């Protein structure tokens, strides 16, 4: 058994896909700035957050599953 640490290939691929999802990231950041002062806790940016990660996952998945085969 090797003492090498296992590297998750998905994390590496996510870094390369993030530049393709800048629009979704900017929408999420704009939302967080908009609700920054909300004391009620009723406002959230969940939709924008998931849109951003869905974009990244859509970019990563073909490469990842190809590598796992």
PDB file of N, CA and C in Angstrom:
ATOM      1  N   UNK A   1       0.834  -1.172   0.000  1.00  0.00           N
ATOM      2  CA  UNK A   1       0.000   0.000   0.000  1.00  0.00           C
ATOM      3  C   UNK A   1       0.881   1.238   0.000  1.00  0.00           C
ATOM      4  N   UNK A   2       0.526   2.216  -0.772  1.00  0.00           N
ATOM      5  CA  UNK A   2       1.309   3.433  -0.925  1.00  0.00           C
ATOM      6  C   UNK A   2       0.920   4.474   0.121  1.00  0.00           C
ATOM      7  N   UNK A   3       1.919   5.276   0.529  1.00  0.00           N
ATOM      8  CA  UNK A   3       1.673   6.343   1.504  1.00  0.00           C
ATOM      9  C   UNK A   3       1.266   7.644   0.830  1.00  0.00           C
ATOM     10  N   UNK A   4       1.138   7.637  -0.489  1.00  0.00           N
ATOM     11  CA  UNK A   4       0.757   8.846  -1.210  1.00  0.00           C
ATOM     12  C   UNK A   4      -0.688   9.218  -0.904  1.00  0.00           C
ATOM     13  N   UNK A   5      -0.912  10.512  -0.779  1.00  0.00           N
ATOM     14  CA  UNK A   5      -2.263  10.995  -0.537  1.00  0.00           C
ATOM     15  C   UNK A   5      -3.053  10.973  -1.842  1.00  0.00           C
ATOM     16  N   UNK A   6      -4.252  10.471  -1.773  1.00  0.00           N
ATOM     17  CA  UNK A   6      -5.115  10.385  -2.950  1.00  0.00           C
ATOM     18  C   UNK A   6      -5.669  11.776  -3.251  1.00  0.00           C
ATOM     19  N   UNK A   7      -5.580  12.178  -4.514  1.00  0.00           N
ATOM     20  CA  UNK A   7      -6.072  13.486  -4.927  1.00  0.00           C
ATOM     21  C   UNK A   7      -7.393  13.293  -5.665  1.00  0.00           C
ATOM     22  N   UNK A   8      -8.387  14.053  -5.256  1.00  0.00           N
ATOM     23  CA  UNK A   8      -9.690  13.981  -5.893  1.00  0.00           C
ATOM     24  C   UNK A   8      -9.622  14.669  -7.252  1.00  0.00           C
ATOM     25  N   UNK A   9      -9.810  13.936  -8.355  1.00  0.00           N
ATOM     26  CA  UNK A   9      -9.700  14.553  -9.676  1.00  0.00           C
ATOM     27  C   UNK A   9     -10.802  15.585  -9.930  1.00  0.00           C
ATOM     28  N   UNK A  10     -11.948  15.430  -9.259  1.00  0.00           N
ATOM     29  CA  UNK A  10     -13.060  16.365  -9.468  1.00  0.00           C
ATOM     30  C   UNK A  10     -12.671  17.769  -9.006  1.00  0.00           C
ATOM     31  N   UNK A  11     -12.000  17.878  -7.884  1.00  0.00           N
ATOM     32  CA  UNK A  11     -11.597  19.189  -7.372  1.00  0.00           C
ATOM     33  C   UNK A  11     -10.674  19.910  -8.347  1.00  0.00           C
ATOM     34  N   UNK A  12      -9.759  19.174  -8.946  1.00  0.00           N
ATOM     35  CA  UNK A  12      -8.839  19.759  -9.923  1.00  0.00           C
ATOM     36  C   UNK A  12      -9.594  20.214 -11.167  1.00  0.00           C
ATOM     37  N   UNK A  13     -10.531  19.409 -11.614  1.00  0.00           N
ATOM     38  CA  UNK A  13     -11.313  19.757 -12.799  1.00  0.00           C
ATOM     39  C   UNK A  13     -12.223  20.951 -12.543  1.00  0.00           C
ATOM     40  N   UNK A  14     -12.728  21.066 -11.316  1.00  0.00           N
ATOM     41  CA  UNK A  14     -13.584  22.204 -10.969  1.00  0.00           C
ATOM     42  C   UNK A  14     -12.834  23.516 -11.143  1.00  0.00           C
ATOM     43  N   UNK A  15     -11.573  23.534 -10.766  1.00  0.00           N
ATOM     44  CA  UNK A  15     -10.762  24.756 -10.893  1.00  0.00           C
ATOM     45  C   UNK A  15     -10.663  25.169 -12.357  1.00  0.00           C
ATOM     46  N   UNK A  16     -10.515  24.208 -13.246  1.00  0.00           N
ATOM     47  CA  UNK A  16     -10.403  24.549 -14.669  1.00  0.00           C
ATOM     48  C   UNK A  16     -11.741  24.974 -15.267  1.00  0.00           C
ATOM     49  N   UNK A  17     -12.845  24.570 -14.649  1.00  0.00           N
ATOM     50  CA  UNK A  17     -14.171  24.919 -15.178  1.00  0.00           C
ATOM     51  C   UNK A  17     -14.706  26.241 -14.626  1.00  0.00           C
ATOM     52  N   UNK A  18     -14.204  26.703 -13.513  1.00  0.00           N
ATOM     53  CA  UNK A  18     -14.730  27.930 -12.896  1.00  0.00           C
ATOM     54  C   UNK A  18     -14.702  29.143 -13.832  1.00  0.00           C
ATOM     55  N   UNK A  19     -13.674  29.330 -14.652  1.00  0.00           N
ATOM     56  CA  UNK A  19     -13.689  30.483 -15.558  1.00  0.00           C
ATOM     57  C   UNK A  19     -14.846  30.453 -16.573  1.00  0.00           C
ATOM     58  N   UNK A  20     -15.383  29.282 -16.844  1.00  0.00           N
ATOM     59  CA  UNK A  20     -16.499  29.169 -17.786  1.00  0.00           C
ATOM     60  C   UNK A  20     -17.828  29.550 -17.144  1.00  0.00           C
ATOM     61  N   UNK A  21     -17.842  29.733 -15.836  1.00  0.00           N
ATOM     62  CA  UNK A  21     -19.081  30.000 -15.098  1.00  0.00           C
ATOM     63  C   UNK A  21     -19.046  31.375 -14.415  1.00  0.00           C
ATOM     64  N   UNK A  22     -18.348  32.301 -15.015  1.00  0.00           N
ATOM     65  CA  UNK A  22     -18.195  33.637 -14.422  1.00  0.00           C
ATOM     66  C   UNK A  22     -19.537  34.357 -14.299  1.00  0.00           C
ATOM     67  N   UNK A  23     -20.393  34.226 -15.291  1.00  0.00           N
ATOM     68  CA  UNK A  23     -21.691  34.914 -15.244  1.00  0.00           C
ATOM     69  C   UNK A  23     -22.495  34.473 -14.019  1.00  0.00           C
ATOM     70  N   UNK A  24     -22.552  33.173 -13.767  1.00  0.00           N
ATOM     71  CA  UNK A  24     -23.296  32.655 -12.622  1.00  0.00           C
ATOM     72  C   UNK A  24     -22.664  33.099 -11.307  1.00  0.00           C
ATOM     73  N   UNK A  25     -21.329  33.141 -11.283  1.00  0.00           N
ATOM     74  CA  UNK A  25     -20.638  33.588 -10.082  1.00  0.00           C
ATOM     75  C   UNK A  25     -20.954  35.050  -9.800  1.00  0.00           C
ATOM     76  N   UNK A  26     -20.936  35.883 -10.832  1.00  0.00           N
ATOM     77  CA  UNK A  26     -21.238  37.306 -10.645  1.00  0.00           C
ATOM     78  C   UNK A  26     -22.676  37.514 -10.179  1.00  0.00           C
ATOM     79  N   UNK A  27     -23.603  36.717 -10.694  1.00  0.00           N
ATOM     80  CA  UNK A  27     -24.990  36.808 -10.237  1.00  0.00           C
ATOM     81  C   UNK A  27     -25.095  36.441  -8.761  1.00  0.00           C
ATOM     82  N   UNK A  28     -24.376  35.418  -8.338  1.00  0.00           N
ATOM     83  CA  UNK A  28     -24.375  35.012  -6.930  1.00  0.00           C
ATOM     84  C   UNK A  28     -23.760  36.107  -6.055  1.00  0.00           C
ATOM     85  N   UNK A  29     -22.633  36.650  -6.481  1.00  0.00           N
ATOM     86  CA  UNK A  29     -21.981  37.704  -5.708  1.00  0.00           C
ATOM     87  C   UNK A  29     -22.856  38.944  -5.609  1.00  0.00           C
ATOM     88  N   UNK A  30     -23.542  39.300  -6.694  1.00  0.00           N
ATOM     89  CA  UNK A  30     -24.447  40.454  -6.675  1.00  0.00           C
ATOM     90  C   UNK A  30     -25.583  40.209  -5.685  1.00  0.00           C
ATOM     91  N   UNK A  31     -26.084  39.016  -5.648  1.00  0.00           N
ATOM     92  CA  UNK A  31     -27.154  38.669  -4.720  1.00  0.00           C
ATOM     93  C   UNK A  31     -26.673  38.780  -3.272  1.00  0.00           C
ATOM     94  N   UNK A  32     -25.496  38.262  -2.990  1.00  0.00           N
ATOM     95  CA  UNK A  32     -24.996  38.327  -1.607  1.00  0.00           C
ATOM     96  C   UNK A  32     -24.777  39.775  -1.171  1.00  0.00           C
ATOM     97  N   UNK A  33     -24.349  40.625  -2.090  1.00  0.00           N
ATOM     98  CA  UNK A  33     -24.192  42.051  -1.752  1.00  0.00           C
ATOM     99  C   UNK A  33     -25.559  42.691  -1.492  1.00  0.00           C
ATOM    100  N   UNK A  34     -26.555  42.313  -2.293  1.00  0.00           N
ATOM    101  CA  UNK A  34     -27.909  42.871  -2.146  1.00  0.00           C
ATOM    102  C   UNK A  34     -28.516  42.551  -0.796  1.00  0.00           C
ATOM    103  N   UNK A  35     -28.291  41.350  -0.297  1.00  0.00           N
ATOM    104  CA  UNK A  35     -28.949  40.933   0.938  1.00  0.00           C
ATOM    105  C   UNK A  35     -28.041  41.044   2.164  1.00  0.00           C
ATOM    106  N   UNK A  36     -26.885  41.629   2.003  1.00  0.00           N
ATOM    107  CA  UNK A  36     -25.902  41.715   3.082  1.00  0.00           C
ATOM    108  C   UNK A  36     -26.487  42.266   4.384  1.00  0.00           C
ATOM    109  N   UNK A  37     -27.308  43.289   4.310  1.00  0.00           N
ATOM    110  CA  UNK A  37     -27.836  43.926   5.518  1.00  0.00           C
ATOM    111  C   UNK A  37     -29.144  43.346   6.013  1.00  0.00           C
ATOM    112  N   UNK A  38     -29.606  42.254   5.435  1.00  0.00           N
ATOM    113  CA  UNK A  38     -30.888  41.665   5.828  1.00  0.00           C
ATOM    114  C   UNK A  38     -30.780  41.046   7.215  1.00  0.00           C
ATOM    115  N   UNK A  39     -31.521  41.606   8.152  1.00  0.00           N
ATOM    116  CA  UNK A  39     -31.514  41.089   9.527  1.00  0.00           C
ATOM    117  C   UNK A  39     -32.594  40.024   9.737  1.00  0.00           C
ATOM    118  N   UNK A  40     -33.571  39.974   8.833  1.00  0.00           N
ATOM    119  CA  UNK A  40     -34.694  39.053   9.028  1.00  0.00           C
ATOM    120  C   UNK A  40     -34.306  37.600   8.745  1.00  0.00           C
ATOM    121  N   UNK A  41     -33.337  37.421   7.871  1.00  0.00           N
ATOM    122  CA  UNK A  41     -32.928  36.065   7.506  1.00  0.00           C
ATOM    123  C   UNK A  41     -33.837  35.425   6.475  1.00  0.00           C
ATOM    124  N   UNK A  42     -34.786  36.191   5.959  1.00  0.00           N
ATOM    125  CA  UNK A  42     -35.727  35.624   4.993  1.00  0.00           C
ATOM    126  C   UNK A  42     -35.200  35.679   3.564  1.00  0.00           C
ATOM    127  N   UNK A  43     -34.221  36.524   3.312  1.00  0.00           N
ATOM    128  CA  UNK A  43     -33.655  36.618   1.967  1.00  0.00           C
ATOM    129  C   UNK A  43     -32.476  35.665   1.852  1.00  0.00           C
ATOM    130  N   UNK A  44     -32.320  35.104   0.671  1.00  0.00           N
ATOM    131  CA  UNK A  44     -31.209  34.157   0.461  1.00  0.00           C
ATOM    132  C   UNK A  44     -30.807  34.141  -1.006  1.00  0.00           C
ATOM    133  N   UNK A  45     -29.684  33.523  -1.289  1.00  0.00           N
ATOM    134  CA  UNK A  45     -29.152  33.426  -2.655  1.00  0.00           C
ATOM    135  C   UNK A  45     -28.974  31.969  -3.059  1.00  0.00           C
ATOM    136  N   UNK A  46     -29.797  31.118  -2.528  1.00  0.00           N
ATOM    137  CA  UNK A  46     -29.681  29.683  -2.782  1.00  0.00           C
ATOM    138  C   UNK A  46     -29.771  29.357  -4.274  1.00  0.00           C
ATOM    139  N   UNK A  47     -30.705  29.984  -4.962  1.00  0.00           N
ATOM    140  CA  UNK A  47     -30.873  29.719  -6.391  1.00  0.00           C
ATOM    141  C   UNK A  47     -29.634  30.061  -7.190  1.00  0.00           C
ATOM    142  N   UNK A  48     -29.048  31.217  -6.915  1.00  0.00           N
ATOM    143  CA  UNK A  48     -27.846  31.644  -7.629  1.00  0.00           C
ATOM    144  C   UNK A  48     -26.664  30.740  -7.284  1.00  0.00           C
ATOM    145  N   UNK A  49     -26.591  30.327  -6.030  1.00  0.00           N
ATOM    146  CA  UNK A  49     -25.518  29.436  -5.591  1.00  0.00           C
ATOM    147  C   UNK A  49     -25.590  28.111  -6.353  1.00  0.00           C
ATOM    148  N   UNK A  50     -26.788  27.544  -6.420  1.00  0.00           N
ATOM    149  CA  UNK A  50     -26.953  26.272  -7.128  1.00  0.00           C
ATOM    150  C   UNK A  50     -26.743  26.430  -8.629  1.00  0.00           C
ATOM    151  N   UNK A  51     -27.138  27.559  -9.198  1.00  0.00           N
ATOM    152  CA  UNK A  51     -26.891  27.806 -10.624  1.00  0.00           C
ATOM    153  C   UNK A  51     -25.394  27.792 -10.918  1.00  0.00           C
ATOM    154  N   UNK A  52     -24.625  28.401 -10.030  1.00  0.00           N
ATOM    155  CA  UNK A  52     -23.166  28.447 -10.198  1.00  0.00           C
ATOM    156  C   UNK A  52     -22.573  27.037 -10.164  1.00  0.00           C
ATOM    157  N   UNK A  53     -22.937  26.254  -9.160  1.00  0.00           N
ATOM    158  CA  UNK A  53     -22.364  24.914  -9.036  1.00  0.00           C
ATOM    159  C   UNK A  53     -22.906  23.954 -10.095  1.00  0.00           C
ATOM    160  N   UNK A  54     -24.123  24.189 -10.572  1.00  0.00           N
ATOM    161  CA  UNK A  54     -24.642  23.374 -11.660  1.00  0.00           C
ATOM    162  C   UNK A  54     -23.826  23.604 -12.931  1.00  0.00           C
ATOM    163  N   UNK A  55     -23.449  24.847 -13.180  1.00  0.00           N
ATOM    164  CA  UNK A  55     -22.613  25.170 -14.340  1.00  0.00           C
ATOM    165  C   UNK A  55     -21.269  24.446 -14.243  1.00  0.00           C
ATOM    166  N   UNK A  56     -20.671  24.485 -13.073  1.00  0.00           N
ATOM    167  CA  UNK A  56     -19.378  23.824 -12.875  1.00  0.00           C
ATOM    168  C   UNK A  56     -19.527  22.309 -13.040  1.00  0.00           C
ATOM    169  N   UNK A  57     -20.558  21.736 -12.420  1.00  0.00           N
ATOM    170  CA  UNK A  57     -20.779  20.291 -12.533  1.00  0.00           C
ATOM    171  C   UNK A  57     -21.020  19.862 -13.975  1.00  0.00           C
ATOM    172  N   UNK A  58     -21.765  20.670 -14.721  1.00  0.00           N
ATOM    173  CA  UNK A  58     -22.049  20.345 -16.120  1.00  0.00           C
ATOM    174  C   UNK A  58     -20.756  20.335 -16.937  1.00  0.00           C
ATOM    175  N   UNK A  59     -19.834  21.220 -16.615  1.00  0.00           N
ATOM    176  CA  UNK A  59     -18.541  21.276 -17.302  1.00  0.00           C
ATOM    177  C   UNK A  59     -17.649  20.100 -16.898  1.00  0.00           C
ATOM    178  N   UNK A  60     -17.670  19.746 -15.632  1.00  0.00           N
ATOM    179  CA  UNK A  60     -16.775  18.716 -15.094  1.00  0.00           C
ATOM    180  C   UNK A  60     -17.233  17.303 -15.449  1.00  0.00           C
ATOM    181  N   UNK A  61     -18.533  17.055 -15.429  1.00  0.00           N
ATOM    182  CA  UNK A  61     -19.033  15.672 -15.512  1.00  0.00           C
ATOM    183  C   UNK A  61     -18.552  14.880 -16.728  1.00  0.00           C
ATOM    184  N   UNK A  62     -18.555  15.425 -17.944  1.00  0.00           N
ATOM    185  CA  UNK A  62     -18.077  14.592 -19.064  1.00  0.00           C
ATOM    186  C   UNK A  62     -16.616  14.190 -18.908  1.00  0.00           C
ATOM    187  N   UNK A  63     -15.810  15.113 -18.437  1.00  0.00           N
ATOM    188  CA  UNK A  63     -14.373  14.816 -18.256  1.00  0.00           C
ATOM    189  C   UNK A  63     -14.156  13.832 -17.122  1.00  0.00           C
ATOM    190  N   UNK A  64     -14.920  14.009 -16.057  1.00  0.00           N
ATOM    191  CA  UNK A  64     -14.742  13.151 -14.882  1.00  0.00           C
ATOM    192  C   UNK A  64     -15.145  11.715 -15.180  1.00  0.00           C
ATOM    193  N   UNK A  65     -16.310  11.524 -15.785  1.00  0.00           N
ATOM    194  CA  UNK A  65     -16.763  10.164 -16.063  1.00  0.00           C
ATOM    195  C   UNK A  65     -15.901   9.479 -17.111  1.00  0.00           C
ATOM    196  N   UNK A  66     -15.337  10.247 -18.016  1.00  0.00           N
ATOM    197  CA  UNK A  66     -14.413   9.701 -18.988  1.00  0.00           C
ATOM    198  C   UNK A  66     -13.165   9.156 -18.279  1.00  0.00           C
ATOM    199  N   UNK A  67     -12.722   9.894 -17.267  1.00  0.00           N
ATOM    200  CA  UNK A  67     -11.520   9.506 -16.516  1.00  0.00           C
ATOM    201  C   UNK A  67     -11.780   8.305 -15.610  1.00  0.00           C
ATOM    202  N   UNK A  68     -13.015   8.176 -15.130  1.00  0.00           N
ATOM    203  CA  UNK A  68     -13.342   7.083 -14.209  1.00  0.00           C
ATOM    204  C   UNK A  68     -13.576   5.755 -14.915  1.00  0.00           C
ATOM    205  N   UNK A  69     -13.828   5.774 -16.212  1.00  0.00           N
ATOM    206  CA  UNK A  69     -14.093   4.537 -16.952  1.00  0.00           C
ATOM    207  C   UNK A  69     -12.873   3.652 -17.013  1.00  0.00           C
TER     208      UNK A  69
END
